[in-house]
Amino acid sequence: MKQPAQEFQVLETVTDYTRFYELPAPAHPLLTLIDLQPSGGAGPAASRPEVLGPVVPGLYTVFLKRNLNGPLYYGHHTYDFREGVMGFSAPGQVFRVARELDTSRLSGWMLVFHPDLLRHHPLARKIASYGFFAYDVHEALHLSASEEALLDTLLLGLRQEYERPIDAFSQDVLVAQLEVLLHYANRFYHRQFLTRRTAGHDLLQRFEALLAAYFTPGAARPLPTVRYFADELHVSVAYLSDLLRTLTHQNAQQHIHHALIERAKHLLLSTNLTISETAFQLGFEYPQYFSRLFKRKTGRSPAAFRTEGWFQ
C-alpha cells in the first residue's frame, strides 16, 4: 500500500490517474472505465482505492460503488458506501480515503474522462447544467436493479468503443454515448426526488422554516444566499436547488426572492421606513438594487406599491 500523501496530489490527465492508482494504462487518452472488484475478482485488484489522499483529479468521474465499507471523504463531507450508490464529481473535487476503509467486497465501476473529450461538442457547455456533478457524496443516486442493468448495457457499448482503434469518429461516438448516460442519470435523479418524497418534503419544510426565521422582524441582516441555507441544511447548493425545483417548480434563489419581496411588502405598508431604510433593513447594500428587484418581481416600484397598496 502506498504511504498517505501529505499534500494534495493533483491528477491532471487520465494517465496520471491510472498511474497514481496503479491501474492498467488507459486504452484511450481521454477516457477510461475501471472495474472495481474484490481481491480475486474478475477485475484488477489494483482498482481498489488504496491511496489515502488527499487527491484532486482534474477530471470528471462517474461511479457506481457497492459494498465499500467505511468512510470516504469527499470535499468537507463523509459518506459510508455500504449501499450501492452512483455518484458524480467534476474536476477540482477533493477526495480522501480513511485508513479503516474495507474494500474486500468492493464491486462496481468508475468512468473517468478528461474535459478535453468534450471539446467542440455541445456537451462541453451542457455538462455544467447537470447539477449532480456538484452534489455531495451523501446525496448520491440510489439505483434500482433495472436501472443498474440499463447502465451496465450503456457502459458495455462505451467500453467497446473506447477499446477500438481511434479514428475520425471515435470522439463523436464516445461523447454521444456519454451524453446518453448522463441523460439517464438525470432521469434517475428526478425519479429519486419523487420517490423519496418524505425525505424531500422534510428538507423543503426545514428550508421554509429557515427562510421564514431569516426574515422575521429584528435586527437587519445581510441578504441571504443559497449557500447559507444549503450549509444550514447540510446539503450542497446544487442539490438543494434541484430538489426544490422538482418539488415546487422553483429553485432556491426564487424561493429566497419570494420571501424577500413578501417581507418588503410588509415593511412598505406597515412601517414609516423610507425606501432606502427598507432596503437596508432587508440586507441590501445599495437601495437601487432593492428597487430594481422589487419592480422586476411585482411590476411596480416600492414607492408606487406603498401608494397603491396590496390590491392595485
Protein backbone atom coordinates (compact mmCIF):
# COMPACT_ATOMS: atom_id res chain seq x y z
CA MET A 1 0.00 0.00 0.00
CA LYS A 2 1.18 3.50 -0.78
CA GLN A 3 2.03 5.79 2.08
CA PRO A 4 -0.56 8.51 2.84
CA ALA A 5 0.02 11.63 0.81
CA GLN A 6 1.00 14.59 2.92
CA GLU A 7 -0.04 17.20 0.35
CA PHE A 8 -2.73 17.48 -2.27
CA GLN A 9 -1.91 15.28 -5.24
CA VAL A 10 -3.27 16.83 -8.44
CA LEU A 11 -4.06 14.36 -11.23
CA GLU A 12 -4.41 16.30 -14.47
CA THR A 13 -4.78 13.51 -17.04
CA VAL A 14 -6.39 10.10 -17.30
CA THR A 15 -2.92 8.60 -17.50
CA ASP A 16 -1.92 10.43 -14.29
CA TYR A 17 -4.98 8.91 -12.62
CA THR A 18 -4.28 5.33 -13.70
CA ARG A 19 -0.58 5.58 -12.81
CA PHE A 20 -1.29 7.04 -9.39
CA TYR A 21 -3.71 4.25 -8.52
CA GLU A 22 -1.51 1.62 -10.23
CA LEU A 23 -4.17 0.74 -12.79
CA PRO A 24 -3.66 -0.55 -16.32
CA ALA A 25 -2.84 2.17 -18.83
CA PRO A 26 -5.99 3.64 -20.43
CA ALA A 27 -6.95 2.38 -23.88
CA HIS A 28 -8.00 5.93 -24.77
CA PRO A 29 -6.01 9.03 -23.72
CA LEU A 30 -9.12 10.94 -22.59
CA LEU A 31 -11.31 8.24 -21.03
CA THR A 32 -11.08 5.00 -19.09
CA LEU A 33 -13.55 2.61 -17.50
CA ILE A 34 -12.35 0.94 -14.30
CA ASP A 35 -13.83 -2.27 -12.93
CA LEU A 36 -13.99 -2.22 -9.14
CA GLN A 37 -13.64 -5.77 -7.89
CA PRO A 38 -12.56 -7.50 -4.67
CA SER A 39 -9.27 -9.38 -4.50
CA GLY A 40 -9.58 -12.47 -6.62
CA GLY A 41 -12.38 -10.94 -8.66
CA ALA A 42 -12.51 -10.56 -12.40
CA GLY A 43 -11.16 -7.02 -12.36
CA PRO A 44 -7.70 -5.80 -11.36
CA ALA A 45 -7.10 -5.85 -7.63
CA ALA A 46 -5.23 -2.57 -8.01
CA SER A 47 -8.52 -0.89 -8.89
CA ARG A 48 -9.31 -0.72 -5.18
CA PRO A 49 -8.73 2.80 -3.79
CA GLU A 50 -5.55 2.24 -1.76
CA VAL A 51 -4.18 5.79 -1.63
CA LEU A 52 -5.37 7.75 1.38
CA GLY A 53 -5.03 11.11 -0.34
CA PRO A 54 -5.99 13.88 -0.41
CA VAL A 55 -6.26 13.71 -4.20
CA VAL A 56 -7.60 16.38 -6.57
CA PRO A 57 -8.36 14.99 -10.04
CA GLY A 58 -8.70 17.48 -12.88
CA LEU A 59 -11.19 15.02 -14.37
CA TYR A 60 -14.85 14.08 -14.39
CA THR A 61 -15.77 10.82 -12.68
CA VAL A 62 -18.98 8.80 -12.75
CA PHE A 63 -19.03 5.82 -10.42
CA LEU A 64 -21.16 3.04 -9.03
CA LYS A 65 -19.79 1.53 -5.82
CA ARG A 66 -21.17 -1.42 -3.89
CA ASN A 67 -20.02 -2.83 -0.55
CA LEU A 68 -17.38 -0.21 0.14
CA ASN A 69 -17.48 -0.40 3.93
CA GLY A 70 -16.14 2.60 5.75
CA PRO A 71 -15.92 6.35 5.28
CA LEU A 72 -14.74 8.14 2.17
CA TYR A 73 -14.10 11.87 2.48
CA TYR A 74 -15.36 14.00 -0.38
CA GLY A 75 -14.90 17.74 -0.04
CA HIS A 76 -15.88 18.57 3.54
CA HIS A 77 -18.30 15.65 3.97
CA THR A 78 -18.11 11.96 4.83
CA TYR A 79 -20.12 9.14 3.32
CA ASP A 80 -20.39 5.44 4.10
CA PHE A 81 -20.80 3.35 0.95
CA ARG A 82 -22.42 0.25 2.41
CA GLU A 83 -25.22 0.54 -0.14
CA GLY A 84 -24.71 0.52 -3.88
CA VAL A 85 -24.81 4.14 -4.97
CA MET A 86 -23.95 6.16 -8.04
CA GLY A 87 -22.05 9.41 -7.76
CA PHE A 88 -20.51 12.11 -9.90
CA SER A 89 -17.65 14.53 -9.46
CA ALA A 90 -16.34 17.43 -11.52
CA PRO A 91 -12.70 18.50 -11.89
CA GLY A 92 -11.26 20.02 -8.73
CA GLN A 93 -13.13 17.97 -6.11
CA VAL A 94 -11.02 16.70 -3.19
CA PHE A 95 -11.04 13.00 -2.23
CA ARG A 96 -9.52 11.29 0.75
CA VAL A 97 -9.85 7.66 1.85
CA ALA A 98 -10.00 6.63 5.51
CA ARG A 99 -7.48 4.10 6.80
CA GLU A 100 -10.28 1.85 8.04
CA LEU A 101 -11.95 1.62 4.63
CA ASP A 102 -12.71 -2.03 3.83
CA THR A 103 -12.58 -2.80 0.09
CA SER A 104 -12.57 -6.61 0.42
CA ARG A 105 -16.08 -6.90 -1.09
CA LEU A 106 -15.96 -3.82 -3.29
CA SER A 107 -17.61 -4.06 -6.70
CA GLY A 108 -18.93 -1.67 -9.31
CA TRP A 109 -17.27 0.58 -11.83
CA MET A 110 -15.78 4.03 -12.32
CA LEU A 111 -15.79 6.03 -15.53
CA VAL A 112 -13.06 8.70 -15.68
CA PHE A 113 -12.85 11.23 -18.51
CA HIS A 114 -10.95 14.41 -19.27
CA PRO A 115 -12.76 17.69 -20.09
CA ASP A 116 -10.94 17.74 -23.44
CA LEU A 117 -13.05 14.76 -24.53
CA LEU A 118 -16.00 17.15 -24.77
CA ARG A 119 -14.13 19.87 -26.67
CA HIS A 120 -16.04 21.23 -29.71
CA HIS A 121 -19.19 19.36 -28.60
CA PRO A 122 -22.33 20.97 -27.15
CA LEU A 123 -21.93 18.70 -24.11
CA ALA A 124 -18.89 20.78 -23.06
CA ARG A 125 -21.29 23.61 -22.22
CA LYS A 126 -24.29 21.50 -21.25
CA ILE A 127 -22.44 19.44 -18.64
CA ALA A 128 -22.46 22.45 -16.32
CA SER A 129 -26.27 22.18 -16.20
CA TYR A 130 -26.10 18.70 -14.65
CA GLY A 131 -26.29 19.72 -11.01
CA PHE A 132 -25.37 16.26 -9.74
CA PHE A 133 -21.71 16.86 -10.60
CA ALA A 134 -21.74 19.36 -7.72
CA TYR A 135 -23.71 17.21 -5.25
CA ASP A 136 -22.06 15.99 -2.08
CA VAL A 137 -21.45 12.27 -1.73
CA HIS A 138 -24.26 11.85 0.81
CA GLU A 139 -26.61 13.00 -1.97
CA ALA A 140 -25.66 10.05 -4.18
CA LEU A 141 -28.08 8.34 -6.54
CA HIS A 142 -29.62 5.06 -5.36
CA LEU A 143 -30.42 2.84 -8.34
CA SER A 144 -32.97 0.08 -8.80
CA ALA A 145 -31.84 -3.26 -10.24
CA SER A 146 -33.36 -2.41 -13.63
CA GLU A 147 -31.63 0.97 -13.67
CA GLU A 148 -28.28 -0.64 -12.88
CA ALA A 149 -28.83 -3.16 -15.69
CA LEU A 150 -29.60 -0.38 -18.16
CA LEU A 151 -26.43 1.49 -17.21
CA ASP A 152 -24.38 -1.70 -17.50
CA THR A 153 -25.61 -2.02 -21.09
CA LEU A 154 -24.61 1.56 -21.84
CA LEU A 155 -21.18 1.02 -20.30
CA LEU A 156 -20.63 -2.11 -22.40
CA GLY A 157 -21.16 -0.06 -25.56
CA LEU A 158 -18.86 2.67 -24.24
CA ARG A 159 -16.15 0.13 -23.40
CA GLN A 160 -16.36 -1.48 -26.83
CA GLU A 161 -15.97 1.91 -28.48
CA TYR A 162 -13.04 3.26 -26.46
CA GLU A 163 -11.14 -0.04 -26.84
CA ARG A 164 -11.38 0.24 -30.64
CA PRO A 165 -8.52 1.88 -32.55
CA ILE A 166 -9.05 5.64 -32.58
CA ASP A 167 -10.37 7.05 -35.84
CA ALA A 168 -12.06 10.24 -37.05
CA PHE A 169 -15.39 9.19 -35.48
CA SER A 170 -14.18 7.97 -32.08
CA GLN A 171 -14.62 11.18 -30.13
CA ASP A 172 -18.09 11.91 -31.54
CA VAL A 173 -19.31 8.40 -30.73
CA LEU A 174 -17.86 8.43 -27.21
CA VAL A 175 -19.37 11.82 -26.40
CA ALA A 176 -22.76 10.74 -27.77
CA GLN A 177 -22.72 7.61 -25.59
CA LEU A 178 -21.60 9.60 -22.57
CA GLU A 179 -24.41 12.10 -23.09
CA VAL A 180 -26.98 9.28 -23.16
CA LEU A 181 -25.61 8.00 -19.85
CA LEU A 182 -25.93 11.49 -18.30
CA HIS A 183 -29.47 11.85 -19.63
CA TYR A 184 -30.41 8.63 -17.84
CA ALA A 185 -28.68 9.78 -14.64
CA ASN A 186 -30.71 12.99 -14.79
CA ARG A 187 -33.91 10.96 -15.20
CA PHE A 188 -33.00 8.66 -12.31
CA TYR A 189 -32.25 11.61 -10.00
CA HIS A 190 -35.60 13.15 -10.86
CA ARG A 191 -37.22 9.81 -10.02
CA GLN A 192 -35.35 9.71 -6.71
CA PHE A 193 -36.57 13.17 -5.75
CA LEU A 194 -40.14 12.00 -6.38
CA THR A 195 -39.96 8.51 -4.85
CA ARG A 196 -38.21 9.79 -1.74
CA ARG A 197 -40.85 12.44 -1.17
CA THR A 198 -40.84 12.04 2.60
CA ALA A 199 -37.17 12.99 2.86
CA GLY A 200 -37.59 15.64 0.18
CA HIS A 201 -40.59 17.28 1.80
CA ASP A 202 -38.86 17.19 5.19
CA LEU A 203 -35.96 19.12 3.65
CA LEU A 204 -38.42 21.51 1.99
CA GLN A 205 -40.19 22.17 5.31
CA ARG A 206 -36.89 22.82 7.08
CA PHE A 207 -35.84 25.18 4.29
CA GLU A 208 -39.12 27.08 4.51
CA ALA A 209 -38.77 27.35 8.31
CA LEU A 210 -35.24 28.72 7.98
CA LEU A 211 -36.40 31.16 5.32
CA ALA A 212 -39.27 32.41 7.48
CA ALA A 213 -37.00 32.78 10.50
CA TYR A 214 -34.44 34.72 8.49
CA PHE A 215 -36.96 37.43 7.61
CA THR A 216 -38.69 37.73 10.99
CA PRO A 217 -38.67 41.25 12.49
CA GLY A 218 -35.45 42.15 14.23
CA ALA A 219 -32.04 43.48 13.51
CA ALA A 220 -31.10 43.94 9.89
CA ARG A 221 -29.18 41.01 8.43
CA PRO A 222 -27.23 40.66 5.20
CA LEU A 223 -29.04 39.36 2.15
CA PRO A 224 -29.32 35.58 2.45
CA THR A 225 -27.62 33.37 -0.10
CA VAL A 226 -28.45 29.90 -1.34
CA ARG A 227 -25.12 28.81 0.16
CA TYR A 228 -26.27 29.95 3.61
CA PHE A 229 -29.39 27.75 3.53
CA ALA A 230 -27.57 24.81 1.94
CA ASP A 231 -24.96 24.92 4.71
CA GLU A 232 -27.66 25.13 7.38
CA LEU A 233 -29.41 22.10 5.87
CA HIS A 234 -26.12 20.20 5.32
CA VAL A 235 -26.66 19.73 1.59
CA SER A 236 -24.95 21.11 -1.48
CA VAL A 237 -26.19 24.21 -3.27
CA ALA A 238 -26.90 22.24 -6.45
CA TYR A 239 -28.82 19.51 -4.63
CA LEU A 240 -30.99 22.00 -2.74
CA SER A 241 -31.93 23.92 -5.89
CA ASP A 242 -32.60 20.77 -7.94
CA LEU A 243 -34.78 19.22 -5.22
CA LEU A 244 -36.79 22.43 -4.75
CA ARG A 245 -37.22 22.78 -8.49
CA THR A 246 -38.57 19.23 -8.70
CA LEU A 247 -40.97 19.58 -5.76
CA THR A 248 -42.08 23.21 -6.21
CA HIS A 249 -41.04 24.18 -9.77
CA GLN A 250 -38.88 26.96 -8.29
CA ASN A 251 -35.21 26.86 -7.40
CA ALA A 252 -33.73 28.03 -4.10
CA GLN A 253 -32.96 31.55 -5.34
CA GLN A 254 -36.54 32.02 -6.48
CA HIS A 255 -37.81 30.95 -3.05
CA ILE A 256 -35.47 33.45 -1.39
CA HIS A 257 -36.63 36.27 -3.67
CA HIS A 258 -40.28 35.45 -2.98
CA ALA A 259 -39.75 35.60 0.80
CA LEU A 260 -37.71 38.77 0.42
CA ILE A 261 -40.41 40.54 -1.62
CA GLU A 262 -43.17 39.47 0.78
CA ARG A 263 -41.18 40.87 3.69
CA ALA A 264 -40.54 44.06 1.70
CA LYS A 265 -44.27 44.47 1.04
CA HIS A 266 -44.99 44.14 4.74
CA LEU A 267 -42.39 46.77 5.66
CA LEU A 268 -43.60 49.19 2.99
CA LEU A 269 -47.21 49.07 4.18
CA SER A 270 -46.77 48.72 7.94
CA THR A 271 -43.83 50.99 8.78
CA ASN A 272 -42.69 54.54 8.17
CA LEU A 273 -39.28 53.45 6.93
CA THR A 274 -38.06 55.22 3.82
CA ILE A 275 -37.38 53.15 0.70
CA SER A 276 -33.66 53.29 1.47
CA GLU A 277 -34.22 52.28 5.10
CA THR A 278 -36.41 49.40 3.94
CA ALA A 279 -33.66 48.25 1.60
CA PHE A 280 -31.06 48.36 4.38
CA GLN A 281 -33.43 46.53 6.74
CA LEU A 282 -33.72 43.73 4.18
CA GLY A 283 -29.94 43.47 3.78
CA PHE A 284 -29.38 45.39 0.56
CA GLU A 285 -26.18 47.39 0.48
CA TYR A 286 -27.49 49.66 -2.28
CA PRO A 287 -31.17 50.78 -2.28
CA GLN A 288 -31.30 50.94 -6.08
CA TYR A 289 -30.70 47.17 -6.25
CA PHE A 290 -33.69 46.64 -3.97
CA SER A 291 -35.89 48.92 -6.09
CA ARG A 292 -34.82 47.17 -9.27
CA LEU A 293 -35.55 43.67 -7.88
CA PHE A 294 -38.88 44.77 -6.38
CA LYS A 295 -40.07 46.24 -9.66
CA ARG A 296 -38.94 43.20 -11.62
CA LYS A 297 -40.85 40.87 -9.29
CA THR A 298 -44.02 42.94 -8.76
CA GLY A 299 -44.25 45.22 -11.77
CA ARG A 300 -44.26 48.31 -9.52
CA SER A 301 -41.64 50.39 -7.79
CA PRO A 302 -41.54 50.26 -3.97
CA ALA A 303 -42.90 53.84 -3.85
CA ALA A 304 -45.78 53.01 -6.18
CA PHE A 305 -46.61 49.89 -4.19
CA ARG A 306 -46.67 51.87 -0.94
CA THR A 307 -49.02 54.42 -2.50
CA GLU A 308 -51.34 51.93 -4.23
CA GLY A 309 -51.39 49.18 -1.62
CA TRP A 310 -51.60 45.38 -1.93
CA PHE A 311 -54.53 45.01 -4.28
CA GLN A 312 -53.86 47.52 -7.00
